[in-house]
Amino acid sequence: MNMDDLNAGVAVITGGGSGLGRELALQCAAAGMRLALADVDDTGLQQTLSMLPEGTEAMTRRVDVSKPEAVEALAADTYQRYGAVHLLFNNAGVAASGPTWTTTADDWNWVLGVNLMGVVHGVQSFVPRMLEGGEPGRIINTASLAGLSSVPGSSVYCVSKHGVVTLSECLHHELKTMRAQLGVSVLCPAFFKTGIAESERNRPSELANANPLGEEYAQFVKAAIEAGRLSATDIARITLEAVVADRFYILPHGGAVKQVETRMRDILELRDPTNPMPGAA
């Protein structure tokens, strides 16, 4: 795939109302793509629309990716309008913090519902249509470096993102086996400036029972995000470059590979796991 392939193509981006999703929308629009943007935040979606280059063709839908019927409706609407999808960014994400033993059922249902099942629903609704269309394309699943490591105080988040990584690897193997024209990438950034630390603002009222010790850990995460050297713009640019290069693993942050290597060494040498965030609460 090259940048010329993106021109006039169609990109679907969940979580398009803020942060990385917004920056991916801007990058895809700059490449001449038509957009289908989804989020639970209508105001955020309208703000993203207002920032797109003049002349960009875009549609928006309010979508809770944890609901399969909502993602299926997004796929149906996208294909009705554009007739194809070339890049699918399963990007919507939320976070919850705190010790594992005080996590709540609502924490697990909310985070896994969005972060993991949102990707599952995206794959199930869009990939069959993309395969049937027969055009080259790519599925880009947003995981995290937390999907390749184990961060104290983030078990719910890490479990969701580990799931996205292995789902993406399985999907890659499956599509290769059938010689499909679809590729897969899994994006695994470390901390960077985005709105995920404020994702509680969109937490459903029926899943409001949060970890009572979560705030102490959340403050550490917010500080780490603020200290991040890469911006959402940087991550989006690196992601599009990786898509064009047909790269599966996307690790934008320096030091990420070393952290993964340390974890693999711990496993291969039967050592106790190394804490990737020794300063965590």
C-alpha atoms as a PDB file:
ATOM      1  CA  MET A   1       0.000   0.000   0.000  1.00  0.00           C
ATOM      2  CA  ASN A   2       1.205   3.523  -0.704  1.00  0.00           C
ATOM      3  CA  MET A   3      -0.158   6.956   0.034  1.00  0.00           C
ATOM      4  CA  ASP A   4      -1.696   7.166  -3.431  1.00  0.00           C
ATOM      5  CA  ASP A   5      -3.828   4.131  -2.536  1.00  0.00           C
ATOM      6  CA  LEU A   6      -5.429   6.152   0.264  1.00  0.00           C
ATOM      7  CA  ASN A   7      -6.654   8.954  -1.986  1.00  0.00           C
ATOM      8  CA  ALA A   8     -10.436   8.673  -2.410  1.00  0.00           C
ATOM      9  CA  GLY A   9     -10.451   5.596  -0.193  1.00  0.00           C
ATOM     10  CA  VAL A  10     -12.737   5.193   2.809  1.00  0.00           C
ATOM     11  CA  ALA A  11     -11.589   5.178   6.429  1.00  0.00           C
ATOM     12  CA  VAL A  12     -13.788   4.179   9.361  1.00  0.00           C
ATOM     13  CA  ILE A  13     -12.588   5.491  12.725  1.00  0.00           C
ATOM     14  CA  THR A  14     -14.203   4.670  16.055  1.00  0.00           C
ATOM     15  CA  GLY A  15     -13.400   7.021  18.896  1.00  0.00           C
ATOM     16  CA  GLY A  16     -13.240   9.760  16.272  1.00  0.00           C
ATOM     17  CA  GLY A  17     -14.510  12.487  18.571  1.00  0.00           C
ATOM     18  CA  SER A  18     -11.256  13.202  20.392  1.00  0.00           C
ATOM     19  CA  GLY A  19      -7.612  12.315  20.930  1.00  0.00           C
ATOM     20  CA  LEU A  20      -6.002   9.790  18.626  1.00  0.00           C
ATOM     21  CA  GLY A  21      -9.223   9.140  16.714  1.00  0.00           C
ATOM     22  CA  ARG A  22      -9.488  12.829  15.834  1.00  0.00           C
ATOM     23  CA  GLU A  23      -5.867  12.968  14.718  1.00  0.00           C
ATOM     24  CA  LEU A  24      -6.290   9.833  12.610  1.00  0.00           C
ATOM     25  CA  ALA A  25      -9.282  11.519  10.965  1.00  0.00           C
ATOM     26  CA  LEU A  26      -7.192  14.596  10.170  1.00  0.00           C
ATOM     27  CA  GLN A  27      -4.349  12.486   8.750  1.00  0.00           C
ATOM     28  CA  CYS A  28      -6.704  10.376   6.635  1.00  0.00           C
ATOM     29  CA  ALA A  29      -8.522  13.463   5.381  1.00  0.00           C
ATOM     30  CA  ALA A  30      -5.203  15.058   4.441  1.00  0.00           C
ATOM     31  CA  ALA A  31      -4.478  11.933   2.378  1.00  0.00           C
ATOM     32  CA  GLY A  32      -7.734  12.498   0.478  1.00  0.00           C
ATOM     33  CA  MET A  33      -9.803   9.810   2.172  1.00  0.00           C
ATOM     34  CA  ARG A  34     -13.530   9.852   2.799  1.00  0.00           C
ATOM     35  CA  LEU A  35     -14.447   9.310   6.434  1.00  0.00           C
ATOM     36  CA  ALA A  36     -16.962   7.524   8.621  1.00  0.00           C
ATOM     37  CA  LEU A  37     -16.452   8.733  12.181  1.00  0.00           C
ATOM     38  CA  ALA A  38     -18.054   7.147  15.222  1.00  0.00           C
ATOM     39  CA  ASP A  39     -18.075   8.046  18.910  1.00  0.00           C
ATOM     40  CA  VAL A  40     -20.430   8.239  21.880  1.00  0.00           C
ATOM     41  CA  ASP A  41     -19.591  11.953  22.113  1.00  0.00           C
ATOM     42  CA  ASP A  42     -21.695  13.864  19.573  1.00  0.00           C
ATOM     43  CA  THR A  43     -20.113  17.189  20.514  1.00  0.00           C
ATOM     44  CA  GLY A  44     -16.646  15.765  20.014  1.00  0.00           C
ATOM     45  CA  LEU A  45     -17.605  14.404  16.616  1.00  0.00           C
ATOM     46  CA  GLN A  46     -18.847  17.812  15.509  1.00  0.00           C
ATOM     47  CA  GLN A  47     -15.597  19.389  16.716  1.00  0.00           C
ATOM     48  CA  THR A  48     -13.637  16.854  14.661  1.00  0.00           C
ATOM     49  CA  LEU A  49     -15.769  17.625  11.613  1.00  0.00           C
ATOM     50  CA  SER A  50     -15.067  21.341  12.004  1.00  0.00           C
ATOM     51  CA  MET A  51     -11.315  20.679  11.938  1.00  0.00           C
ATOM     52  CA  LEU A  52     -11.251  18.625   8.717  1.00  0.00           C
ATOM     53  CA  PRO A  53      -9.844  20.171   5.532  1.00  0.00           C
ATOM     54  CA  GLU A  54     -12.421  21.926   3.400  1.00  0.00           C
ATOM     55  CA  GLY A  55     -14.007  19.549   0.936  1.00  0.00           C
ATOM     56  CA  THR A  56     -13.509  16.423   3.028  1.00  0.00           C
ATOM     57  CA  GLU A  57     -16.406  14.017   2.616  1.00  0.00           C
ATOM     58  CA  ALA A  58     -17.359  12.696   6.033  1.00  0.00           C
ATOM     59  CA  MET A  59     -20.262  11.120   7.880  1.00  0.00           C
ATOM     60  CA  THR A  60     -20.650  10.811  11.641  1.00  0.00           C
ATOM     61  CA  ARG A  61     -22.634   8.419  13.778  1.00  0.00           C
ATOM     62  CA  ARG A  62     -23.140   8.195  17.514  1.00  0.00           C
ATOM     63  CA  VAL A  63     -22.008   4.646  18.257  1.00  0.00           C
ATOM     64  CA  ASP A  64     -21.406   2.739  21.470  1.00  0.00           C
ATOM     65  CA  VAL A  65     -18.965   0.111  20.192  1.00  0.00           C
ATOM     66  CA  SER A  66     -19.786  -2.212  23.099  1.00  0.00           C
ATOM     67  CA  LYS A  67     -23.182  -2.748  21.428  1.00  0.00           C
ATOM     68  CA  PRO A  68     -22.919  -5.102  18.426  1.00  0.00           C
ATOM     69  CA  GLU A  69     -26.100  -3.779  16.856  1.00  0.00           C
ATOM     70  CA  ALA A  70     -24.705  -0.227  16.943  1.00  0.00           C
ATOM     71  CA  VAL A  71     -21.517  -1.245  15.132  1.00  0.00           C
ATOM     72  CA  GLU A  72     -23.505  -3.301  12.636  1.00  0.00           C
ATOM     73  CA  ALA A  73     -25.638  -0.237  11.903  1.00  0.00           C
ATOM     74  CA  LEU A  74     -22.468   1.819  11.399  1.00  0.00           C
ATOM     75  CA  ALA A  75     -21.181  -0.739   8.893  1.00  0.00           C
ATOM     76  CA  ALA A  76     -24.493  -0.815   7.028  1.00  0.00           C
ATOM     77  CA  ASP A  77     -24.668   2.990   6.866  1.00  0.00           C
ATOM     78  CA  THR A  78     -21.040   3.277   5.760  1.00  0.00           C
ATOM     79  CA  TYR A  79     -21.483   0.788   2.921  1.00  0.00           C
ATOM     80  CA  GLN A  80     -24.755   2.353   1.883  1.00  0.00           C
ATOM     81  CA  ARG A  81     -23.043   5.730   1.544  1.00  0.00           C
ATOM     82  CA  TYR A  82     -19.596   4.795   0.241  1.00  0.00           C
ATOM     83  CA  GLY A  83     -19.863   1.225  -1.026  1.00  0.00           C
ATOM     84  CA  ALA A  84     -16.458   0.212   0.375  1.00  0.00           C
ATOM     85  CA  VAL A  85     -14.096   0.485   3.335  1.00  0.00           C
ATOM     86  CA  HIS A  86     -10.315   0.487   2.921  1.00  0.00           C
ATOM     87  CA  LEU A  87      -9.046   1.354   6.392  1.00  0.00           C
ATOM     88  CA  LEU A  88     -10.879   0.253   9.543  1.00  0.00           C
ATOM     89  CA  PHE A  89      -9.560   1.838  12.722  1.00  0.00           C
ATOM     90  CA  ASN A  90     -11.004   0.017  15.744  1.00  0.00           C
ATOM     91  CA  ASN A  91      -9.790   2.774  18.011  1.00  0.00           C
ATOM     92  CA  ALA A  92     -12.401   3.595  20.688  1.00  0.00           C
ATOM     93  CA  GLY A  93     -11.041   3.056  24.189  1.00  0.00           C
ATOM     94  CA  VAL A  94     -11.596   3.745  27.879  1.00  0.00           C
ATOM     95  CA  ALA A  95      -9.595   3.109  31.047  1.00  0.00           C
ATOM     96  CA  ALA A  96     -10.163   2.188  34.687  1.00  0.00           C
ATOM     97  CA  SER A  97      -7.521   2.059  37.404  1.00  0.00           C
ATOM     98  CA  GLY A  98      -6.939   0.519  40.817  1.00  0.00           C
ATOM     99  CA  PRO A  99      -5.815  -2.694  42.506  1.00  0.00           C
ATOM    100  CA  THR A 100      -7.122  -5.904  41.013  1.00  0.00           C
ATOM    101  CA  TRP A 101      -8.736  -7.043  44.271  1.00  0.00           C
ATOM    102  CA  THR A 102     -10.932  -3.951  44.467  1.00  0.00           C
ATOM    103  CA  THR A 103     -12.016  -3.883  40.818  1.00  0.00           C
ATOM    104  CA  THR A 104     -15.754  -4.041  40.302  1.00  0.00           C
ATOM    105  CA  ALA A 105     -17.876  -6.030  37.901  1.00  0.00           C
ATOM    106  CA  ASP A 106     -18.816  -2.699  36.320  1.00  0.00           C
ATOM    107  CA  ASP A 107     -15.126  -1.892  35.726  1.00  0.00           C
ATOM    108  CA  TRP A 108     -14.677  -5.147  33.845  1.00  0.00           C
ATOM    109  CA  ASN A 109     -17.906  -4.921  31.884  1.00  0.00           C
ATOM    110  CA  TRP A 110     -17.304  -1.317  30.827  1.00  0.00           C
ATOM    111  CA  VAL A 111     -13.629  -1.569  29.843  1.00  0.00           C
ATOM    112  CA  LEU A 112     -13.809  -4.985  28.196  1.00  0.00           C
ATOM    113  CA  GLY A 113     -17.043  -3.982  26.479  1.00  0.00           C
ATOM    114  CA  VAL A 114     -15.431  -0.986  24.791  1.00  0.00           C
ATOM    115  CA  ASN A 115     -11.762  -1.904  24.437  1.00  0.00           C
ATOM    116  CA  LEU A 116     -12.025  -5.580  23.508  1.00  0.00           C
ATOM    117  CA  MET A 117     -15.584  -6.278  22.395  1.00  0.00           C
ATOM    118  CA  GLY A 118     -15.605  -2.999  20.474  1.00  0.00           C
ATOM    119  CA  VAL A 119     -12.796  -4.408  18.342  1.00  0.00           C
ATOM    120  CA  VAL A 120     -14.584  -7.765  18.063  1.00  0.00           C
ATOM    121  CA  HIS A 121     -17.736  -6.030  16.878  1.00  0.00           C
ATOM    122  CA  GLY A 122     -15.783  -3.937  14.379  1.00  0.00           C
ATOM    123  CA  VAL A 123     -14.163  -7.042  12.919  1.00  0.00           C
ATOM    124  CA  GLN A 124     -17.427  -8.982  12.783  1.00  0.00           C
ATOM    125  CA  SER A 125     -19.394  -6.179  11.132  1.00  0.00           C
ATOM    126  CA  PHE A 126     -16.827  -4.804   8.686  1.00  0.00           C
ATOM    127  CA  VAL A 127     -14.430  -7.604   7.711  1.00  0.00           C
ATOM    128  CA  PRO A 128     -17.045  -9.792   5.968  1.00  0.00           C
ATOM    129  CA  ARG A 129     -18.101  -6.768   3.912  1.00  0.00           C
ATOM    130  CA  MET A 130     -14.473  -5.861   3.162  1.00  0.00           C
ATOM    131  CA  LEU A 131     -13.758  -9.429   2.053  1.00  0.00           C
ATOM    132  CA  GLU A 132     -16.822  -9.504  -0.155  1.00  0.00           C
ATOM    133  CA  GLY A 133     -15.810  -6.217  -1.754  1.00  0.00           C
ATOM    134  CA  GLY A 134     -12.490  -7.745  -2.783  1.00  0.00           C
ATOM    135  CA  GLU A 135     -10.537  -4.481  -2.579  1.00  0.00           C
ATOM    136  CA  PRO A 136      -7.214  -4.080  -0.763  1.00  0.00           C
ATOM    137  CA  GLY A 137      -7.634  -2.799   2.787  1.00  0.00           C
ATOM    138  CA  ARG A 138      -6.355  -2.897   6.321  1.00  0.00           C
ATOM    139  CA  ILE A 139      -7.740  -3.312   9.825  1.00  0.00           C
ATOM    140  CA  ILE A 140      -5.886  -1.276  12.451  1.00  0.00           C
ATOM    141  CA  ASN A 141      -6.699  -2.208  16.044  1.00  0.00           C
ATOM    142  CA  THR A 142      -5.658   0.188  18.791  1.00  0.00           C
ATOM    143  CA  ALA A 143      -4.156  -1.774  21.661  1.00  0.00           C
ATOM    144  CA  SER A 144      -1.431  -0.289  23.871  1.00  0.00           C
ATOM    145  CA  LEU A 145       1.998  -1.044  25.228  1.00  0.00           C
ATOM    146  CA  ALA A 146      -0.180  -2.227  28.138  1.00  0.00           C
ATOM    147  CA  GLY A 147      -1.203  -5.020  25.765  1.00  0.00           C
ATOM    148  CA  LEU A 148       2.404  -6.233  25.711  1.00  0.00           C
ATOM    149  CA  SER A 149       3.217  -5.680  29.391  1.00  0.00           C
ATOM    150  CA  SER A 150       1.542  -5.806  32.800  1.00  0.00           C
ATOM    151  CA  VAL A 151       1.166  -2.492  34.604  1.00  0.00           C
ATOM    152  CA  PRO A 152       0.337  -2.412  38.339  1.00  0.00           C
ATOM    153  CA  GLY A 153      -3.014  -0.811  39.040  1.00  0.00           C
ATOM    154  CA  SER A 154      -4.183  -1.404  35.472  1.00  0.00           C
ATOM    155  CA  SER A 155      -5.251  -5.041  35.352  1.00  0.00           C
ATOM    156  CA  VAL A 156      -8.631  -4.322  33.758  1.00  0.00           C
ATOM    157  CA  TYR A 157      -7.081  -2.131  31.088  1.00  0.00           C
ATOM    158  CA  CYS A 158      -4.152  -4.486  30.471  1.00  0.00           C
ATOM    159  CA  VAL A 159      -6.416  -7.528  30.101  1.00  0.00           C
ATOM    160  CA  SER A 160      -8.494  -5.667  27.519  1.00  0.00           C
ATOM    161  CA  LYS A 161      -5.450  -4.591  25.533  1.00  0.00           C
ATOM    162  CA  HIS A 162      -3.699  -7.982  25.719  1.00  0.00           C
ATOM    163  CA  GLY A 163      -6.914  -9.338  24.225  1.00  0.00           C
ATOM    164  CA  VAL A 164      -6.726  -6.852  21.349  1.00  0.00           C
ATOM    165  CA  VAL A 165      -3.139  -7.869  20.584  1.00  0.00           C
ATOM    166  CA  THR A 166      -3.829 -11.593  20.384  1.00  0.00           C
ATOM    167  CA  LEU A 167      -7.100 -11.032  18.504  1.00  0.00           C
ATOM    168  CA  SER A 168      -5.129  -9.022  15.947  1.00  0.00           C
ATOM    169  CA  GLU A 169      -2.477 -11.719  15.623  1.00  0.00           C
ATOM    170  CA  CYS A 170      -5.128 -14.398  15.090  1.00  0.00           C
ATOM    171  CA  LEU A 171      -6.896 -12.251  12.508  1.00  0.00           C
ATOM    172  CA  HIS A 172      -3.606 -11.677  10.691  1.00  0.00           C
ATOM    173  CA  HIS A 173      -2.964 -15.422  10.450  1.00  0.00           C
ATOM    174  CA  GLU A 174      -6.507 -16.114   9.304  1.00  0.00           C
ATOM    175  CA  LEU A 175      -6.470 -13.526   6.528  1.00  0.00           C
ATOM    176  CA  LYS A 176      -3.017 -14.668   5.364  1.00  0.00           C
ATOM    177  CA  THR A 177      -4.204 -18.273   5.247  1.00  0.00           C
ATOM    178  CA  MET A 178      -7.075 -17.360   2.937  1.00  0.00           C
ATOM    179  CA  ARG A 179      -4.829 -15.052   0.856  1.00  0.00           C
ATOM    180  CA  ALA A 180      -7.150 -12.124   1.425  1.00  0.00           C
ATOM    181  CA  GLN A 181      -6.212  -8.652   0.242  1.00  0.00           C
ATOM    182  CA  LEU A 182      -6.722  -7.377   3.784  1.00  0.00           C
ATOM    183  CA  GLY A 183      -3.864  -6.677   6.146  1.00  0.00           C
ATOM    184  CA  VAL A 184      -3.874  -6.132   9.902  1.00  0.00           C
ATOM    185  CA  SER A 185      -1.948  -3.808  12.200  1.00  0.00           C
ATOM    186  CA  VAL A 186      -1.992  -3.559  15.982  1.00  0.00           C
ATOM    187  CA  LEU A 187      -1.077  -0.195  17.470  1.00  0.00           C
ATOM    188  CA  CYS A 188       0.701  -0.321  20.834  1.00  0.00           C
ATOM    189  CA  PRO A 189       1.617   3.175  22.045  1.00  0.00           C
ATOM    190  CA  ALA A 190       2.860   4.004  25.528  1.00  0.00           C
ATOM    191  CA  PHE A 191       1.585   7.082  27.386  1.00  0.00           C
ATOM    192  CA  PHE A 192       0.788  10.097  25.237  1.00  0.00           C
ATOM    193  CA  LYS A 193      -1.478  13.124  25.566  1.00  0.00           C
ATOM    194  CA  THR A 194      -5.032  12.022  24.897  1.00  0.00           C
ATOM    195  CA  GLY A 195      -8.404  12.133  26.607  1.00  0.00           C
ATOM    196  CA  ILE A 196      -8.443   8.545  27.863  1.00  0.00           C
ATOM    197  CA  ALA A 197      -7.630   9.649  31.411  1.00  0.00           C
ATOM    198  CA  GLU A 198     -10.981  11.477  31.364  1.00  0.00           C
ATOM    199  CA  SER A 199     -12.906   8.570  29.845  1.00  0.00           C
ATOM    200  CA  GLU A 200     -15.055   8.318  32.992  1.00  0.00           C
ATOM    201  CA  ARG A 201     -17.029  11.249  31.527  1.00  0.00           C
ATOM    202  CA  ASN A 202     -18.572   8.798  29.074  1.00  0.00           C
ATOM    203  CA  ARG A 203     -19.046   5.922  31.494  1.00  0.00           C
ATOM    204  CA  PRO A 204     -22.631   4.602  31.330  1.00  0.00           C
ATOM    205  CA  SER A 205     -24.711   5.216  34.438  1.00  0.00           C
ATOM    206  CA  GLU A 206     -25.629   1.529  34.619  1.00  0.00           C
ATOM    207  CA  LEU A 207     -21.891   0.683  34.954  1.00  0.00           C
ATOM    208  CA  ALA A 208     -21.002   3.465  37.384  1.00  0.00           C
ATOM    209  CA  ASN A 209     -19.739   1.308  40.273  1.00  0.00           C
ATOM    210  CA  ALA A 210     -16.021   2.110  39.998  1.00  0.00           C
ATOM    211  CA  ASN A 211     -12.968   0.807  41.853  1.00  0.00           C
ATOM    212  CA  PRO A 212     -12.962   2.632  45.221  1.00  0.00           C
ATOM    213  CA  LEU A 213      -9.150   2.842  45.144  1.00  0.00           C
ATOM    214  CA  GLY A 214      -8.927   3.859  41.514  1.00  0.00           C
ATOM    215  CA  GLU A 215      -8.251   7.564  41.909  1.00  0.00           C
ATOM    216  CA  GLU A 216      -4.776   7.142  43.441  1.00  0.00           C
ATOM    217  CA  TYR A 217      -3.673   5.068  40.474  1.00  0.00           C
ATOM    218  CA  ALA A 218      -5.475   7.297  38.006  1.00  0.00           C
ATOM    219  CA  GLN A 219      -3.451  10.295  39.184  1.00  0.00           C
ATOM    220  CA  PHE A 220      -0.242   8.426  38.368  1.00  0.00           C
ATOM    221  CA  VAL A 221      -1.557   7.630  34.888  1.00  0.00           C
ATOM    222  CA  LYS A 222      -2.529  11.263  34.309  1.00  0.00           C
ATOM    223  CA  ALA A 223       0.959  12.403  35.321  1.00  0.00           C
ATOM    224  CA  ALA A 224       2.552   9.856  32.980  1.00  0.00           C
ATOM    225  CA  ILE A 225       0.307  11.009  30.135  1.00  0.00           C
ATOM    226  CA  GLU A 226       1.250  14.642  30.718  1.00  0.00           C
ATOM    227  CA  ALA A 227       4.934  13.689  30.679  1.00  0.00           C
ATOM    228  CA  GLY A 228       4.592  11.850  27.365  1.00  0.00           C
ATOM    229  CA  ARG A 229       6.960  13.094  24.677  1.00  0.00           C
ATOM    230  CA  LEU A 230       4.805  12.130  21.702  1.00  0.00           C
ATOM    231  CA  SER A 231       1.518  13.814  20.887  1.00  0.00           C
ATOM    232  CA  ALA A 232      -1.627  12.265  19.431  1.00  0.00           C
ATOM    233  CA  THR A 233      -0.615  13.930  16.152  1.00  0.00           C
ATOM    234  CA  ASP A 234       2.725  12.121  16.273  1.00  0.00           C
ATOM    235  CA  ILE A 235       1.061   8.769  16.962  1.00  0.00           C
ATOM    236  CA  ALA A 236      -1.418   9.245  14.105  1.00  0.00           C
ATOM    237  CA  ARG A 237       1.362  10.156  11.676  1.00  0.00           C
ATOM    238  CA  ILE A 238       3.453   7.147  12.713  1.00  0.00           C
ATOM    239  CA  THR A 239       0.390   4.923  12.399  1.00  0.00           C
ATOM    240  CA  LEU A 240      -0.382   6.046   8.837  1.00  0.00           C
ATOM    241  CA  GLU A 241       3.271   5.553   7.889  1.00  0.00           C
ATOM    242  CA  ALA A 242       3.108   2.011   9.259  1.00  0.00           C
ATOM    243  CA  VAL A 243      -0.141   1.335   7.383  1.00  0.00           C
ATOM    244  CA  VAL A 244       1.477   2.429   4.128  1.00  0.00           C
ATOM    245  CA  ALA A 245       4.455   0.167   4.950  1.00  0.00           C
ATOM    246  CA  ASP A 246       2.117  -2.806   5.643  1.00  0.00           C
ATOM    247  CA  ARG A 247       3.561  -3.191   9.147  1.00  0.00           C
ATOM    248  CA  PHE A 248       1.748  -5.379  11.669  1.00  0.00           C
ATOM    249  CA  TYR A 249       3.223  -4.247  15.008  1.00  0.00           C
ATOM    250  CA  ILE A 250       3.210  -0.479  15.498  1.00  0.00           C
ATOM    251  CA  LEU A 251       5.238   0.581  18.555  1.00  0.00           C
ATOM    252  CA  PRO A 252       5.670   4.357  18.260  1.00  0.00           C
ATOM    253  CA  HIS A 253       7.557   4.959  21.488  1.00  0.00           C
ATOM    254  CA  GLY A 254      11.275   4.532  21.935  1.00  0.00           C
ATOM    255  CA  GLY A 255      11.988   2.005  24.668  1.00  0.00           C
ATOM    256  CA  ALA A 256       8.858  -0.028  23.962  1.00  0.00           C
ATOM    257  CA  VAL A 257      10.746  -2.856  22.276  1.00  0.00           C
ATOM    258  CA  LYS A 258      13.152  -3.048  25.227  1.00  0.00           C
ATOM    259  CA  GLN A 259      10.244  -3.291  27.658  1.00  0.00           C
ATOM    260  CA  VAL A 260       8.704  -6.105  25.626  1.00  0.00           C
ATOM    261  CA  GLU A 261      12.066  -7.850  25.422  1.00  0.00           C
ATOM    262  CA  THR A 262      12.423  -7.694  29.214  1.00  0.00           C
ATOM    263  CA  ARG A 263       9.019  -9.325  29.641  1.00  0.00           C
ATOM    264  CA  MET A 264       9.892 -12.066  27.153  1.00  0.00           C
ATOM    265  CA  ARG A 265      13.178 -12.692  28.987  1.00  0.00           C
ATOM    266  CA  ASP A 266      11.280 -12.975  32.258  1.00  0.00           C
ATOM    267  CA  ILE A 267       9.103 -15.674  30.685  1.00  0.00           C
ATOM    268  CA  LEU A 268      11.884 -17.565  28.900  1.00  0.00           C
ATOM    269  CA  GLU A 269      14.170 -17.523  31.934  1.00  0.00           C
ATOM    270  CA  LEU A 270      11.327 -18.303  34.366  1.00  0.00           C
ATOM    271  CA  ARG A 271      11.990 -15.131  36.349  1.00  0.00           C
ATOM    272  CA  ASP A 272       9.535 -13.106  38.386  1.00  0.00           C
ATOM    273  CA  PRO A 273       7.948 -10.454  36.168  1.00  0.00           C
ATOM    274  CA  THR A 274       9.747  -7.111  36.009  1.00  0.00           C
ATOM    275  CA  ASN A 275       7.595  -4.135  36.995  1.00  0.00           C
ATOM    276  CA  PRO A 276       7.400  -1.939  33.863  1.00  0.00           C
ATOM    277  CA  MET A 277       6.329   1.052  35.978  1.00  0.00           C
ATOM    278  CA  PRO A 278       8.321   0.896  39.241  1.00  0.00           C
ATOM    279  CA  GLY A 279       7.094   4.339  40.263  1.00  0.00           C
ATOM    280  CA  ALA A 280       3.440   3.361  40.102  1.00  0.00           C
ATOM    281  CA  ALA A 281       1.296   3.722  43.228  1.00  0.00           C
END
